[in-house]
Amino acid sequence: MLIVMLAGRVVRGATLFSEIPDPIKLKVYDELKANGVEFLAGDYKPE
């Protein structure tokens, strides 16, 4: 639930992807990618 909420905040522009805590960045990125908006993660490269 937290991941979906944070991804939604990134989509709305309320939170920058760079502000997402490192331990959950990959999960938030995966959620953005699942919705076709992974470009909002900027230059983040999943490892």
PDB file of N, CA and C in Angstrom:
ATOM      1  N   MET A   1       0.823  -1.194   0.000  1.00  0.00           N
ATOM      2  CA  MET A   1       0.000   0.000   0.000  1.00  0.00           C
ATOM      3  C   MET A   1       0.873   1.267   0.000  1.00  0.00           C
ATOM      4  N   LEU A   2       1.944   1.243   0.787  1.00  0.00           N
ATOM      5  CA  LEU A   2       2.845   2.384   0.853  1.00  0.00           C
ATOM      6  C   LEU A   2       3.488   2.638  -0.506  1.00  0.00           C
ATOM      7  N   ILE A   3       3.856   1.570  -1.190  1.00  0.00           N
ATOM      8  CA  ILE A   3       4.509   1.693  -2.492  1.00  0.00           C
ATOM      9  C   ILE A   3       3.572   2.366  -3.484  1.00  0.00           C
ATOM     10  N   VAL A   4       2.332   1.943  -3.508  1.00  0.00           N
ATOM     11  CA  VAL A   4       1.340   2.525  -4.424  1.00  0.00           C
ATOM     12  C   VAL A   4       1.113   3.996  -4.098  1.00  0.00           C
ATOM     13  N   MET A   5       1.051   4.309  -2.809  1.00  0.00           N
ATOM     14  CA  MET A   5       0.848   5.703  -2.404  1.00  0.00           C
ATOM     15  C   MET A   5       2.020   6.579  -2.840  1.00  0.00           C
ATOM     16  N   LEU A   6       3.235   6.106  -2.606  1.00  0.00           N
ATOM     17  CA  LEU A   6       4.405   6.890  -2.995  1.00  0.00           C
ATOM     18  C   LEU A   6       4.509   7.038  -4.501  1.00  0.00           C
ATOM     19  N   ALA A   7       4.216   5.978  -5.236  1.00  0.00           N
ATOM     20  CA  ALA A   7       4.227   6.068  -6.700  1.00  0.00           C
ATOM     21  C   ALA A   7       3.193   7.091  -7.167  1.00  0.00           C
ATOM     22  N   GLY A   8       2.047   7.100  -6.534  1.00  0.00           N
ATOM     23  CA  GLY A   8       1.013   8.078  -6.871  1.00  0.00           C
ATOM     24  C   GLY A   8       1.469   9.503  -6.604  1.00  0.00           C
ATOM     25  N   ARG A   9       2.193   9.698  -5.510  1.00  0.00           N
ATOM     26  CA  ARG A   9       2.716  11.031  -5.201  1.00  0.00           C
ATOM     27  C   ARG A   9       3.735  11.473  -6.245  1.00  0.00           C
ATOM     28  N   VAL A  10       4.553  10.527  -6.728  1.00  0.00           N
ATOM     29  CA  VAL A  10       5.526  10.852  -7.774  1.00  0.00           C
ATOM     30  C   VAL A  10       4.782  11.251  -9.051  1.00  0.00           C
ATOM     31  N   VAL A  11       3.753  10.490  -9.401  1.00  0.00           N
ATOM     32  CA  VAL A  11       2.977  10.778 -10.620  1.00  0.00           C
ATOM     33  C   VAL A  11       2.325  12.155 -10.527  1.00  0.00           C
ATOM     34  N   ARG A  12       1.779  12.484  -9.368  1.00  0.00           N
ATOM     35  CA  ARG A  12       1.107  13.784  -9.187  1.00  0.00           C
ATOM     36  C   ARG A  12       2.081  14.942  -9.050  1.00  0.00           C
ATOM     37  N   GLY A  13       3.353  14.633  -8.835  1.00  0.00           N
ATOM     38  CA  GLY A  13       4.340  15.695  -8.677  1.00  0.00           C
ATOM     39  C   GLY A  13       4.466  16.187  -7.249  1.00  0.00           C
ATOM     40  N   ALA A  14       3.825  15.499  -6.314  1.00  0.00           N
ATOM     41  CA  ALA A  14       3.891  15.906  -4.917  1.00  0.00           C
ATOM     42  C   ALA A  14       5.211  15.496  -4.270  1.00  0.00           C
ATOM     43  N   THR A  15       5.862  14.467  -4.833  1.00  0.00           N
ATOM     44  CA  THR A  15       7.144  13.980  -4.330  1.00  0.00           C
ATOM     45  C   THR A  15       8.045  13.683  -5.517  1.00  0.00           C
ATOM     46  N   LEU A  16       9.294  14.078  -5.423  1.00  0.00           N
ATOM     47  CA  LEU A  16      10.261  13.729  -6.462  1.00  0.00           C
ATOM     48  C   LEU A  16      10.736  12.306  -6.215  1.00  0.00           C
ATOM     49  N   PHE A  17      11.028  11.583  -7.288  1.00  0.00           N
ATOM     50  CA  PHE A  17      11.518  10.224  -7.129  1.00  0.00           C
ATOM     51  C   PHE A  17      12.799  10.203  -6.311  1.00  0.00           C
ATOM     52  N   SER A  18      13.615  11.213  -6.449  1.00  0.00           N
ATOM     53  CA  SER A  18      14.878  11.278  -5.696  1.00  0.00           C
ATOM     54  C   SER A  18      14.644  11.379  -4.190  1.00  0.00           C
ATOM     55  N   GLU A  19      13.455  11.771  -3.767  1.00  0.00           N
ATOM     56  CA  GLU A  19      13.126  11.873  -2.345  1.00  0.00           C
ATOM     57  C   GLU A  19      12.663  10.548  -1.739  1.00  0.00           C
ATOM     58  N   ILE A  20      12.433   9.546  -2.579  1.00  0.00           N
ATOM     59  CA  ILE A  20      11.989   8.237  -2.095  1.00  0.00           C
ATOM     60  C   ILE A  20      13.161   7.578  -1.354  1.00  0.00           C
ATOM     61  N   PRO A  21      12.924   7.014  -0.175  1.00  0.00           N
ATOM     62  CA  PRO A  21      14.012   6.357   0.567  1.00  0.00           C
ATOM     63  C   PRO A  21      14.618   5.200  -0.240  1.00  0.00           C
ATOM     64  N   ASP A  22      15.936   5.095  -0.195  1.00  0.00           N
ATOM     65  CA  ASP A  22      16.658   4.083  -0.970  1.00  0.00           C
ATOM     66  C   ASP A  22      16.146   2.650  -0.787  1.00  0.00           C
ATOM     67  N   PRO A  23      15.807   2.217   0.431  1.00  0.00           N
ATOM     68  CA  PRO A  23      15.380   0.818   0.580  1.00  0.00           C
ATOM     69  C   PRO A  23      14.126   0.437  -0.210  1.00  0.00           C
ATOM     70  N   ILE A  24      13.304   1.424  -0.585  1.00  0.00           N
ATOM     71  CA  ILE A  24      12.070   1.081  -1.314  1.00  0.00           C
ATOM     72  C   ILE A  24      12.034   1.670  -2.729  1.00  0.00           C
ATOM     73  N   LYS A  25      13.109   2.284  -3.165  1.00  0.00           N
ATOM     74  CA  LYS A  25      13.142   2.895  -4.501  1.00  0.00           C
ATOM     75  C   LYS A  25      12.831   1.887  -5.604  1.00  0.00           C
ATOM     76  N   LEU A  26      13.409   0.693  -5.506  1.00  0.00           N
ATOM     77  CA  LEU A  26      13.195  -0.312  -6.548  1.00  0.00           C
ATOM     78  C   LEU A  26      11.722  -0.691  -6.648  1.00  0.00           C
ATOM     79  N   LYS A  27      11.067  -0.848  -5.530  1.00  0.00           N
ATOM     80  CA  LYS A  27       9.639  -1.217  -5.546  1.00  0.00           C
ATOM     81  C   LYS A  27       8.788  -0.087  -6.106  1.00  0.00           C
ATOM     82  N   VAL A  28       9.118   1.144  -5.747  1.00  0.00           N
ATOM     83  CA  VAL A  28       8.376   2.289  -6.291  1.00  0.00           C
ATOM     84  C   VAL A  28       8.631   2.389  -7.796  1.00  0.00           C
ATOM     85  N   TYR A  29       9.876   2.172  -8.212  1.00  0.00           N
ATOM     86  CA  TYR A  29      10.198   2.179  -9.640  1.00  0.00           C
ATOM     87  C   TYR A  29       9.389   1.106 -10.373  1.00  0.00           C
ATOM     88  N   ASP A  30       9.319  -0.091  -9.808  1.00  0.00           N
ATOM     89  CA  ASP A  30       8.547  -1.171 -10.420  1.00  0.00           C
ATOM     90  C   ASP A  30       7.072  -0.794 -10.567  1.00  0.00           C
ATOM     91  N   GLU A  31       6.544  -0.106  -9.580  1.00  0.00           N
ATOM     92  CA  GLU A  31       5.145   0.342  -9.641  1.00  0.00           C
ATOM     93  C   GLU A  31       4.973   1.399 -10.735  1.00  0.00           C
ATOM     94  N   LEU A  32       5.913   2.327 -10.834  1.00  0.00           N
ATOM     95  CA  LEU A  32       5.847   3.327 -11.904  1.00  0.00           C
ATOM     96  C   LEU A  32       5.916   2.644 -13.271  1.00  0.00           C
ATOM     97  N   LYS A  33       6.822   1.670 -13.402  1.00  0.00           N
ATOM     98  CA  LYS A  33       6.982   0.949 -14.667  1.00  0.00           C
ATOM     99  C   LYS A  33       5.713   0.177 -15.030  1.00  0.00           C
ATOM    100  N   ALA A  34       5.078  -0.424 -14.049  1.00  0.00           N
ATOM    101  CA  ALA A  34       3.845  -1.168 -14.282  1.00  0.00           C
ATOM    102  C   ALA A  34       2.742  -0.262 -14.827  1.00  0.00           C
ATOM    103  N   ASN A  35       2.850   1.023 -14.522  1.00  0.00           N
ATOM    104  CA  ASN A  35       1.847   1.981 -14.996  1.00  0.00           C
ATOM    105  C   ASN A  35       2.327   2.796 -16.191  1.00  0.00           C
ATOM    106  N   GLY A  36       3.501   2.428 -16.720  1.00  0.00           N
ATOM    107  CA  GLY A  36       3.997   3.071 -17.932  1.00  0.00           C
ATOM    108  C   GLY A  36       4.563   4.463 -17.751  1.00  0.00           C
ATOM    109  N   VAL A  37       4.947   4.810 -16.533  1.00  0.00           N
ATOM    110  CA  VAL A  37       5.475   6.151 -16.285  1.00  0.00           C
ATOM    111  C   VAL A  37       6.848   6.102 -15.629  1.00  0.00           C
ATOM    112  N   GLU A  38       7.629   5.076 -15.945  1.00  0.00           N
ATOM    113  CA  GLU A  38       8.951   4.932 -15.331  1.00  0.00           C
ATOM    114  C   GLU A  38       9.879   6.095 -15.650  1.00  0.00           C
ATOM    115  N   PHE A  39       9.568   6.864 -16.700  1.00  0.00           N
ATOM    116  CA  PHE A  39      10.387   8.034 -17.034  1.00  0.00           C
ATOM    117  C   PHE A  39      10.392   9.060 -15.907  1.00  0.00           C
ATOM    118  N   LEU A  40       9.409   8.992 -15.020  1.00  0.00           N
ATOM    119  CA  LEU A  40       9.354   9.919 -13.886  1.00  0.00           C
ATOM    120  C   LEU A  40      10.460   9.646 -12.873  1.00  0.00           C
ATOM    121  N   ALA A  41      11.127   8.504 -12.999  1.00  0.00           N
ATOM    122  CA  ALA A  41      12.233   8.171 -12.101  1.00  0.00           C
ATOM    123  C   ALA A  41      13.532   8.810 -12.567  1.00  0.00           C
ATOM    124  N   GLY A  42      13.504   9.551 -13.633  1.00  0.00           N
ATOM    125  CA  GLY A  42      14.698  10.233 -14.125  1.00  0.00           C
ATOM    126  C   GLY A  42      15.755   9.248 -14.597  1.00  0.00           C
ATOM    127  N   ASP A  43      16.970   9.423 -14.110  1.00  0.00           N
ATOM    128  CA  ASP A  43      18.067   8.572 -14.558  1.00  0.00           C
ATOM    129  C   ASP A  43      18.291   7.363 -13.653  1.00  0.00           C
ATOM    130  N   TYR A  44      17.317   7.034 -12.804  1.00  0.00           N
ATOM    131  CA  TYR A  44      17.430   5.880 -11.910  1.00  0.00           C
ATOM    132  C   TYR A  44      17.539   4.605 -12.744  1.00  0.00           C
ATOM    133  N   LYS A  45      18.502   3.773 -12.376  1.00  0.00           N
ATOM    134  CA  LYS A  45      18.689   2.482 -13.040  1.00  0.00           C
ATOM    135  C   LYS A  45      18.505   1.380 -11.993  1.00  0.00           C
ATOM    136  N   PRO A  46      17.497   0.550 -12.134  1.00  0.00           N
ATOM    137  CA  PRO A  46      17.300  -0.536 -11.156  1.00  0.00           C
ATOM    138  C   PRO A  46      18.473  -1.514 -11.183  1.00  0.00           C
ATOM    139  N   GLU A  47      18.842  -1.979 -10.022  1.00  0.00           N
ATOM    140  CA  GLU A  47      19.972  -2.910  -9.931  1.00  0.00           C
ATOM    141  C   GLU A  47      19.500  -4.299  -9.611  1.00  0.00           C
TER     142      GLU A  47
END
